[in-house]
């Protein structure tokens, strides 16, 4: 799934709380993600450790334009306009 960051709310150590809107696909808790600059350059990687939709905790969120809050564990700074792109790494 892909999400565009609209607002960064708080940052503590290596965790950032952001608000964003789904561009496409589905984003789930515990998925790995790439953090990309507005121009598409990858600036870091992280893990989705929590999702909130409205006032409710959620395990996954989907639907183009759907807004949600997301806690991301990453050392990278996440700013409005950045793109969060989830991926699943397969162990072979």
PDB file of N, CA and C in Angstrom:
ATOM      1  N   UNK A   1       0.826  -1.199   0.000  1.00  0.00           N
ATOM      2  CA  UNK A   1       0.000   0.000   0.000  1.00  0.00           C
ATOM      3  C   UNK A   1       0.864   1.254   0.000  1.00  0.00           C
ATOM      4  N   UNK A   2       0.264   2.369  -0.362  1.00  0.00           N
ATOM      5  CA  UNK A   2       0.982   3.643  -0.404  1.00  0.00           C
ATOM      6  C   UNK A   2       0.163   4.714   0.301  1.00  0.00           C
ATOM      7  N   UNK A   3       0.852   5.535   1.093  1.00  0.00           N
ATOM      8  CA  UNK A   3       0.196   6.600   1.850  1.00  0.00           C
ATOM      9  C   UNK A   3       0.984   7.888   1.690  1.00  0.00           C
ATOM     10  N   UNK A   4       0.278   9.005   1.520  1.00  0.00           N
ATOM     11  CA  UNK A   4       0.938  10.315   1.486  1.00  0.00           C
ATOM     12  C   UNK A   4       0.799  10.948   2.869  1.00  0.00           C
ATOM     13  N   UNK A   5       1.925  11.361   3.442  1.00  0.00           N
ATOM     14  CA  UNK A   5       1.919  11.991   4.769  1.00  0.00           C
ATOM     15  C   UNK A   5       1.372  13.411   4.649  1.00  0.00           C
ATOM     16  N   UNK A   6       0.348  13.708   5.456  1.00  0.00           N
ATOM     17  CA  UNK A   6      -0.251  15.046   5.465  1.00  0.00           C
ATOM     18  C   UNK A   6       0.303  15.866   6.636  1.00  0.00           C
ATOM     19  N   UNK A   7       0.495  15.198   7.782  1.00  0.00           N
ATOM     20  CA  UNK A   7       0.964  15.910   8.980  1.00  0.00           C
ATOM     21  C   UNK A   7       1.816  14.979   9.831  1.00  0.00           C
ATOM     22  N   UNK A   8       2.875  15.535  10.415  1.00  0.00           N
ATOM     23  CA  UNK A   8       3.652  14.776  11.399  1.00  0.00           C
ATOM     24  C   UNK A   8       3.284  15.331  12.764  1.00  0.00           C
ATOM     25  N   UNK A   9       2.822  14.456  13.659  1.00  0.00           N
ATOM     26  CA  UNK A   9       2.322  14.900  14.962  1.00  0.00           C
ATOM     27  C   UNK A   9       3.386  14.901  16.043  1.00  0.00           C
ATOM     28  N   UNK A  10       4.072  13.784  16.211  1.00  0.00           N
ATOM     29  CA  UNK A  10       5.059  13.734  17.286  1.00  0.00           C
ATOM     30  C   UNK A  10       6.147  12.734  16.946  1.00  0.00           C
ATOM     31  N   UNK A  11       7.285  12.935  17.591  1.00  0.00           N
ATOM     32  CA  UNK A  11       8.417  12.043  17.379  1.00  0.00           C
ATOM     33  C   UNK A  11       9.073  11.772  18.723  1.00  0.00           C
ATOM     34  N   UNK A  12       9.268  10.481  19.033  1.00  0.00           N
ATOM     35  CA  UNK A  12       9.957  10.090  20.260  1.00  0.00           C
ATOM     36  C   UNK A  12      10.981   9.024  19.900  1.00  0.00           C
ATOM     37  N   UNK A  13      12.229   9.283  20.153  1.00  0.00           N
ATOM     38  CA  UNK A  13      13.330   8.373  19.816  1.00  0.00           C
ATOM     39  C   UNK A  13      13.202   7.948  18.365  1.00  0.00           C
ATOM     40  N   UNK A  14      12.861   6.671  18.118  1.00  0.00           N
ATOM     41  CA  UNK A  14      12.783   6.195  16.732  1.00  0.00           C
ATOM     42  C   UNK A  14      11.343   5.898  16.302  1.00  0.00           C
ATOM     43  N   UNK A  15      10.378   6.624  16.900  1.00  0.00           N
ATOM     44  CA  UNK A  15       8.978   6.440  16.526  1.00  0.00           C
ATOM     45  C   UNK A  15       8.366   7.776  16.143  1.00  0.00           C
ATOM     46  N   UNK A  16       7.635   7.789  15.023  1.00  0.00           N
ATOM     47  CA  UNK A  16       6.986   9.010  14.551  1.00  0.00           C
ATOM     48  C   UNK A  16       5.508   8.744  14.331  1.00  0.00           C
ATOM     49  N   UNK A  17       4.660   9.644  14.835  1.00  0.00           N
ATOM     50  CA  UNK A  17       3.218   9.569  14.616  1.00  0.00           C
ATOM     51  C   UNK A  17       2.877  10.521  13.481  1.00  0.00           C
ATOM     52  N   UNK A  18       2.316   9.964  12.404  1.00  0.00           N
ATOM     53  CA  UNK A  18       1.958  10.780  11.241  1.00  0.00           C
ATOM     54  C   UNK A  18       0.493  10.579  10.891  1.00  0.00           C
ATOM     55  N   UNK A  19      -0.064  11.560  10.207  1.00  0.00           N
ATOM     56  CA  UNK A  19      -1.403  11.440   9.651  1.00  0.00           C
ATOM     57  C   UNK A  19      -1.264  11.495   8.151  1.00  0.00           C
ATOM     58  N   UNK A  20      -2.051  10.673   7.457  1.00  0.00           N
ATOM     59  CA  UNK A  20      -1.933  10.673   6.013  1.00  0.00           C
ATOM     60  C   UNK A  20      -3.178  10.143   5.332  1.00  0.00           C
ATOM     61  N   UNK A  21      -3.103  10.089   4.002  1.00  0.00           N
ATOM     62  CA  UNK A  21      -4.206   9.582   3.190  1.00  0.00           C
ATOM     63  C   UNK A  21      -3.690   8.477   2.279  1.00  0.00           C
ATOM     64  N   UNK A  22      -4.462   7.412   2.173  1.00  0.00           N
ATOM     65  CA  UNK A  22      -4.102   6.279   1.315  1.00  0.00           C
ATOM     66  C   UNK A  22      -4.147   6.722  -0.150  1.00  0.00           C
ATOM     67  N   UNK A  23      -3.084   6.418  -0.882  1.00  0.00           N
ATOM     68  CA  UNK A  23      -3.049   6.683  -2.328  1.00  0.00           C
ATOM     69  C   UNK A  23      -3.573   5.443  -3.049  1.00  0.00           C
ATOM     70  N   UNK A  24      -3.075   4.266  -2.657  1.00  0.00           N
ATOM     71  CA  UNK A  24      -3.609   3.024  -3.207  1.00  0.00           C
ATOM     72  C   UNK A  24      -3.238   1.842  -2.327  1.00  0.00           C
ATOM     73  N   UNK A  25      -3.933   0.723  -2.534  1.00  0.00           N
ATOM     74  CA  UNK A  25      -3.639  -0.510  -1.817  1.00  0.00           C
ATOM     75  C   UNK A  25      -4.130  -0.505  -0.386  1.00  0.00           C
ATOM     76  N   UNK A  26      -3.492  -1.359   0.417  1.00  0.00           N
ATOM     77  CA  UNK A  26      -3.855  -1.535   1.819  1.00  0.00           C
ATOM     78  C   UNK A  26      -2.581  -1.490   2.657  1.00  0.00           C
ATOM     79  N   UNK A  27      -2.681  -0.906   3.834  1.00  0.00           N
ATOM     80  CA  UNK A  27      -1.544  -0.844   4.755  1.00  0.00           C
ATOM     81  C   UNK A  27      -1.957  -1.537   6.042  1.00  0.00           C
ATOM     82  N   UNK A  28      -1.099  -2.430   6.533  1.00  0.00           N
ATOM     83  CA  UNK A  28      -1.398  -3.204   7.734  1.00  0.00           C
ATOM     84  C   UNK A  28      -0.326  -3.015   8.795  1.00  0.00           C
ATOM     85  N   UNK A  29      -0.724  -3.230  10.056  1.00  0.00           N
ATOM     86  CA  UNK A  29       0.210  -3.187  11.181  1.00  0.00           C
ATOM     87  C   UNK A  29       1.266  -4.284  10.982  1.00  0.00           C
ATOM     88  N   UNK A  30       2.486  -3.998  11.364  1.00  0.00           N
ATOM     89  CA  UNK A  30       3.653  -4.888  11.292  1.00  0.00           C
ATOM     90  C   UNK A  30       4.257  -5.013   9.892  1.00  0.00           C
ATOM     91  N   UNK A  31       3.741  -4.278   8.906  1.00  0.00           N
ATOM     92  CA  UNK A  31       4.359  -4.315   7.584  1.00  0.00           C
ATOM     93  C   UNK A  31       5.604  -3.434   7.580  1.00  0.00           C
ATOM     94  N   UNK A  32       6.580  -3.827   6.779  1.00  0.00           N
ATOM     95  CA  UNK A  32       7.767  -3.006   6.572  1.00  0.00           C
ATOM     96  C   UNK A  32       7.396  -1.897   5.593  1.00  0.00           C
ATOM     97  N   UNK A  33       8.102  -0.768   5.675  1.00  0.00           N
ATOM     98  CA  UNK A  33       7.792   0.330   4.752  1.00  0.00           C
ATOM     99  C   UNK A  33       9.052   1.072   4.331  1.00  0.00           C
ATOM    100  N   UNK A  34       8.954   1.659   3.150  1.00  0.00           N
ATOM    101  CA  UNK A  34       9.989   2.554   2.639  1.00  0.00           C
ATOM    102  C   UNK A  34       9.466   3.964   2.856  1.00  0.00           C
ATOM    103  N   UNK A  35      10.337   4.859   3.280  1.00  0.00           N
ATOM    104  CA  UNK A  35       9.976   6.263   3.456  1.00  0.00           C
ATOM    105  C   UNK A  35      10.626   7.003   2.297  1.00  0.00           C
ATOM    106  N   UNK A  36       9.800   7.646   1.479  1.00  0.00           N
ATOM    107  CA  UNK A  36      10.313   8.307   0.284  1.00  0.00           C
ATOM    108  C   UNK A  36      10.045   9.798   0.320  1.00  0.00           C
ATOM    109  N   UNK A  37      11.034  10.556  -0.173  1.00  0.00           N
ATOM    110  CA  UNK A  37      10.918  12.004  -0.322  1.00  0.00           C
ATOM    111  C   UNK A  37       9.884  12.280  -1.406  1.00  0.00           C
ATOM    112  N   UNK A  38       9.388  13.526  -1.478  1.00  0.00           N
ATOM    113  CA  UNK A  38       8.410  13.918  -2.502  1.00  0.00           C
ATOM    114  C   UNK A  38       8.877  13.564  -3.907  1.00  0.00           C
ATOM    115  N   UNK A  39      10.196  13.616  -4.150  1.00  0.00           N
ATOM    116  CA  UNK A  39      10.727  13.340  -5.493  1.00  0.00           C
ATOM    117  C   UNK A  39      10.929  11.844  -5.757  1.00  0.00           C
ATOM    118  N   UNK A  40      10.569  10.992  -4.787  1.00  0.00           N
ATOM    119  CA  UNK A  40      10.673   9.543  -4.986  1.00  0.00           C
ATOM    120  C   UNK A  40      11.938   8.908  -4.436  1.00  0.00           C
ATOM    121  N   UNK A  41      12.882   9.721  -3.957  1.00  0.00           N
ATOM    122  CA  UNK A  41      14.125   9.191  -3.381  1.00  0.00           C
ATOM    123  C   UNK A  41      13.834   8.501  -2.049  1.00  0.00           C
ATOM    124  N   UNK A  42      14.323   7.285  -1.891  1.00  0.00           N
ATOM    125  CA  UNK A  42      14.127   6.576  -0.622  1.00  0.00           C
ATOM    126  C   UNK A  42      15.072   7.176   0.421  1.00  0.00           C
ATOM    127  N   UNK A  43      14.501   7.592   1.571  1.00  0.00           N
ATOM    128  CA  UNK A  43      15.345   8.189   2.609  1.00  0.00           C
ATOM    129  C   UNK A  43      15.479   7.311   3.845  1.00  0.00           C
ATOM    130  N   UNK A  44      14.703   6.233   3.882  1.00  0.00           N
ATOM    131  CA  UNK A  44      14.801   5.338   5.027  1.00  0.00           C
ATOM    132  C   UNK A  44      13.775   4.236   4.963  1.00  0.00           C
ATOM    133  N   UNK A  45      13.885   3.328   5.923  1.00  0.00           N
ATOM    134  CA  UNK A  45      12.928   2.229   6.032  1.00  0.00           C
ATOM    135  C   UNK A  45      12.440   2.151   7.458  1.00  0.00           C
ATOM    136  N   UNK A  46      11.297   1.536   7.626  1.00  0.00           N
ATOM    137  CA  UNK A  46      10.735   1.411   8.967  1.00  0.00           C
ATOM    138  C   UNK A  46       9.693   0.308   9.019  1.00  0.00           C
ATOM    139  N   UNK A  47       8.941   0.305  10.121  1.00  0.00           N
ATOM    140  CA  UNK A  47       7.882  -0.678  10.332  1.00  0.00           C
ATOM    141  C   UNK A  47       6.648   0.054  10.859  1.00  0.00           C
ATOM    142  N   UNK A  48       5.474  -0.309  10.336  1.00  0.00           N
ATOM    143  CA  UNK A  48       4.210   0.240  10.821  1.00  0.00           C
ATOM    144  C   UNK A  48       3.913  -0.461  12.145  1.00  0.00           C
ATOM    145  N   UNK A  49       3.874   0.269  13.262  1.00  0.00           N
ATOM    146  CA  UNK A  49       3.628  -0.396  14.546  1.00  0.00           C
ATOM    147  C   UNK A  49       2.242  -0.086  15.110  1.00  0.00           C
ATOM    148  N   UNK A  50       1.506   0.810  14.456  1.00  0.00           N
ATOM    149  CA  UNK A  50       0.141   1.086  14.905  1.00  0.00           C
ATOM    150  C   UNK A  50      -0.615   1.911  13.886  1.00  0.00           C
ATOM    151  N   UNK A  51      -1.920   1.638  13.756  1.00  0.00           N
ATOM    152  CA  UNK A  51      -2.776   2.402  12.848  1.00  0.00           C
ATOM    153  C   UNK A  51      -4.025   2.814  13.615  1.00  0.00           C
ATOM    154  N   UNK A  52      -4.457   4.049  13.392  1.00  0.00           N
ATOM    155  CA  UNK A  52      -5.677   4.531  14.011  1.00  0.00           C
ATOM    156  C   UNK A  52      -6.533   5.185  12.938  1.00  0.00           C
ATOM    157  N   UNK A  53      -7.798   4.772  12.870  1.00  0.00           N
ATOM    158  CA  UNK A  53      -8.732   5.337  11.906  1.00  0.00           C
ATOM    159  C   UNK A  53      -9.872   5.932  12.707  1.00  0.00           C
ATOM    160  N   UNK A  54     -10.063   7.242  12.583  1.00  0.00           N
ATOM    161  CA  UNK A  54     -11.002   7.927  13.474  1.00  0.00           C
ATOM    162  C   UNK A  54     -10.419   7.849  14.876  1.00  0.00           C
ATOM    163  N   UNK A  55     -11.209   7.403  15.831  1.00  0.00           N
ATOM    164  CA  UNK A  55     -10.710   7.256  17.210  1.00  0.00           C
ATOM    165  C   UNK A  55     -10.412   5.795  17.534  1.00  0.00           C
ATOM    166  N   UNK A  56     -10.535   4.926  16.542  1.00  0.00           N
ATOM    167  CA  UNK A  56     -10.401   3.488  16.772  1.00  0.00           C
ATOM    168  C   UNK A  56      -9.058   2.946  16.291  1.00  0.00           C
ATOM    169  N   UNK A  57      -8.497   2.017  17.072  1.00  0.00           N
ATOM    170  CA  UNK A  57      -7.304   1.296  16.643  1.00  0.00           C
ATOM    171  C   UNK A  57      -7.711   0.386  15.486  1.00  0.00           C
ATOM    172  N   UNK A  58      -6.855   0.232  14.496  1.00  0.00           N
ATOM    173  CA  UNK A  58      -7.154  -0.630  13.359  1.00  0.00           C
ATOM    174  C   UNK A  58      -5.953  -1.514  13.053  1.00  0.00           C
ATOM    175  N   UNK A  59      -6.202  -2.674  12.480  1.00  0.00           N
ATOM    176  CA  UNK A  59      -5.129  -3.587  12.066  1.00  0.00           C
ATOM    177  C   UNK A  59      -4.693  -3.291  10.644  1.00  0.00           C
ATOM    178  N   UNK A  60      -5.647  -2.750   9.836  1.00  0.00           N
ATOM    179  CA  UNK A  60      -5.333  -2.418   8.437  1.00  0.00           C
ATOM    180  C   UNK A  60      -6.250  -1.300   7.986  1.00  0.00           C
ATOM    181  N   UNK A  61      -5.814  -0.603   6.955  1.00  0.00           N
ATOM    182  CA  UNK A  61      -6.608   0.479   6.381  1.00  0.00           C
ATOM    183  C   UNK A  61      -6.418   0.439   4.861  1.00  0.00           C
ATOM    184  N   UNK A  62      -7.525   0.691   4.134  1.00  0.00           N
ATOM    185  CA  UNK A  62      -7.453   0.669   2.678  1.00  0.00           C
ATOM    186  C   UNK A  62      -8.478   1.636   2.104  1.00  0.00           C
ATOM    187  N   UNK A  63      -8.414   1.847   0.802  1.00  0.00           N
ATOM    188  CA  UNK A  63      -9.363   2.723   0.119  1.00  0.00           C
ATOM    189  C   UNK A  63      -8.732   4.057  -0.204  1.00  0.00           C
ATOM    190  N   UNK A  64      -8.694   4.381  -1.489  1.00  0.00           N
ATOM    191  CA  UNK A  64      -8.070   5.635  -1.926  1.00  0.00           C
ATOM    192  C   UNK A  64      -8.716   6.824  -1.223  1.00  0.00           C
ATOM    193  N   UNK A  65      -7.878   7.710  -0.669  1.00  0.00           N
ATOM    194  CA  UNK A  65      -8.361   8.912   0.004  1.00  0.00           C
ATOM    195  C   UNK A  65      -8.684   8.714   1.473  1.00  0.00           C
ATOM    196  N   UNK A  66      -8.691   7.459   1.947  1.00  0.00           N
ATOM    197  CA  UNK A  66      -8.975   7.180   3.356  1.00  0.00           C
ATOM    198  C   UNK A  66      -7.876   7.787   4.222  1.00  0.00           C
ATOM    199  N   UNK A  67      -8.275   8.549   5.244  1.00  0.00           N
ATOM    200  CA  UNK A  67      -7.292   9.169   6.138  1.00  0.00           C
ATOM    201  C   UNK A  67      -7.129   8.331   7.399  1.00  0.00           C
ATOM    202  N   UNK A  68      -5.900   8.308   7.912  1.00  0.00           N
ATOM    203  CA  UNK A  68      -5.620   7.551   9.131  1.00  0.00           C
ATOM    204  C   UNK A  68      -4.381   8.113   9.812  1.00  0.00           C
ATOM    205  N   UNK A  69      -4.201   7.703  11.052  1.00  0.00           N
ATOM    206  CA  UNK A  69      -3.000   8.021  11.805  1.00  0.00           C
ATOM    207  C   UNK A  69      -2.157   6.763  11.868  1.00  0.00           C
ATOM    208  N   UNK A  70      -0.842   6.936  11.879  1.00  0.00           N
ATOM    209  CA  UNK A  70       0.040   5.790  11.824  1.00  0.00           C
ATOM    210  C   UNK A  70       1.288   6.030  12.666  1.00  0.00           C
ATOM    211  N   UNK A  71       1.645   5.051  13.484  1.00  0.00           N
ATOM    212  CA  UNK A  71       2.894   5.113  14.240  1.00  0.00           C
ATOM    213  C   UNK A  71       3.917   4.287  13.475  1.00  0.00           C
ATOM    214  N   UNK A  72       5.025   4.937  13.114  1.00  0.00           N
ATOM    215  CA  UNK A  72       6.057   4.276  12.325  1.00  0.00           C
ATOM    216  C   UNK A  72       7.358   4.244  13.117  1.00  0.00           C
ATOM    217  N   UNK A  73       7.943   3.053  13.212  1.00  0.00           N
ATOM    218  CA  UNK A  73       9.239   2.908  13.880  1.00  0.00           C
ATOM    219  C   UNK A  73      10.315   3.046  12.815  1.00  0.00           C
ATOM    220  N   UNK A  74      11.084   4.124  12.880  1.00  0.00           N
ATOM    221  CA  UNK A  74      12.138   4.381  11.897  1.00  0.00           C
ATOM    222  C   UNK A  74      13.079   5.445  12.426  1.00  0.00           C
ATOM    223  N   UNK A  75      14.329   5.376  12.014  1.00  0.00           N
ATOM    224  CA  UNK A  75      15.292   6.405  12.405  1.00  0.00           C
ATOM    225  C   UNK A  75      15.199   7.615  11.472  1.00  0.00           C
ATOM    226  N   UNK A  76      14.527   7.459  10.324  1.00  0.00           N
ATOM    227  CA  UNK A  76      14.402   8.544   9.347  1.00  0.00           C
ATOM    228  C   UNK A  76      13.391   9.588   9.816  1.00  0.00           C
ATOM    229  N   UNK A  77      13.652  10.841   9.481  1.00  0.00           N
ATOM    230  CA  UNK A  77      12.705  11.909   9.784  1.00  0.00           C
ATOM    231  C   UNK A  77      11.592  11.849   8.734  1.00  0.00           C
ATOM    232  N   UNK A  78      10.337  11.894   9.189  1.00  0.00           N
ATOM    233  CA  UNK A  78       9.198  11.792   8.274  1.00  0.00           C
ATOM    234  C   UNK A  78       8.458  13.131   8.288  1.00  0.00           C
ATOM    235  N   UNK A  79       8.355  13.747   7.118  1.00  0.00           N
ATOM    236  CA  UNK A  79       7.757  15.076   7.006  1.00  0.00           C
ATOM    237  C   UNK A  79       6.546  15.071   6.080  1.00  0.00           C
ATOM    238  N   UNK A  80       5.650  16.085   6.211  1.00  0.00           N
ATOM    239  CA  UNK A  80       4.499  16.174   5.313  1.00  0.00           C
ATOM    240  C   UNK A  80       4.943  16.184   3.850  1.00  0.00           C
ATOM    241  N   UNK A  81       4.181  15.469   3.014  1.00  0.00           N
ATOM    242  CA  UNK A  81       4.506  15.378   1.599  1.00  0.00           C
ATOM    243  C   UNK A  81       5.278  14.110   1.258  1.00  0.00           C
ATOM    244  N   UNK A  82       5.870  13.477   2.289  1.00  0.00           N
ATOM    245  CA  UNK A  82       6.594  12.230   2.061  1.00  0.00           C
ATOM    246  C   UNK A  82       5.618  11.104   1.752  1.00  0.00           C
ATOM    247  N   UNK A  83       6.132  10.055   1.127  1.00  0.00           N
ATOM    248  CA  UNK A  83       5.326   8.896   0.753  1.00  0.00           C
ATOM    249  C   UNK A  83       5.790   7.692   1.583  1.00  0.00           C
ATOM    250  N   UNK A  84       4.830   6.983   2.165  1.00  0.00           N
ATOM    251  CA  UNK A  84       5.108   5.747   2.894  1.00  0.00           C
ATOM    252  C   UNK A  84       4.623   4.612   1.994  1.00  0.00           C
ATOM    253  N   UNK A  85       5.527   3.706   1.660  1.00  0.00           N
ATOM    254  CA  UNK A  85       5.193   2.597   0.765  1.00  0.00           C
ATOM    255  C   UNK A  85       5.504   1.292   1.480  1.00  0.00           C
ATOM    256  N   UNK A  86       4.475   0.468   1.707  1.00  0.00           N
ATOM    257  CA  UNK A  86       4.706  -0.787   2.434  1.00  0.00           C
ATOM    258  C   UNK A  86       5.118  -1.888   1.471  1.00  0.00           C
ATOM    259  N   UNK A  87       5.838  -2.853   2.020  1.00  0.00           N
ATOM    260  CA  UNK A  87       6.242  -4.027   1.241  1.00  0.00           C
ATOM    261  C   UNK A  87       6.366  -5.208   2.169  1.00  0.00           C
ATOM    262  N   UNK A  88       6.286  -6.383   1.594  1.00  0.00           N
ATOM    263  CA  UNK A  88       6.434  -7.612   2.376  1.00  0.00           C
ATOM    264  C   UNK A  88       7.719  -8.283   1.920  1.00  0.00           C
ATOM    265  N   UNK A  89       8.614  -8.547   2.866  1.00  0.00           N
ATOM    266  CA  UNK A  89       9.864  -9.208   2.491  1.00  0.00           C
ATOM    267  C   UNK A  89       9.673 -10.702   2.682  1.00  0.00           C
ATOM    268  N   UNK A  90       9.988 -11.445   1.650  1.00  0.00           N
ATOM    269  CA  UNK A  90       9.871 -12.893   1.702  1.00  0.00           C
ATOM    270  C   UNK A  90      11.229 -13.498   2.039  1.00  0.00           C
ATOM    271  N   UNK A  91      11.208 -14.474   2.933  1.00  0.00           N
ATOM    272  CA  UNK A  91      12.442 -15.158   3.299  1.00  0.00           C
ATOM    273  C   UNK A  91      12.512 -16.440   2.469  1.00  0.00           C
ATOM    274  N   UNK A  92      13.612 -16.575   1.728  1.00  0.00           N
ATOM    275  CA  UNK A  92      13.749 -17.764   0.867  1.00  0.00           C
ATOM    276  C   UNK A  92      14.843 -18.655   1.358  1.00  0.00           C
TER     277      UNK A  92
END
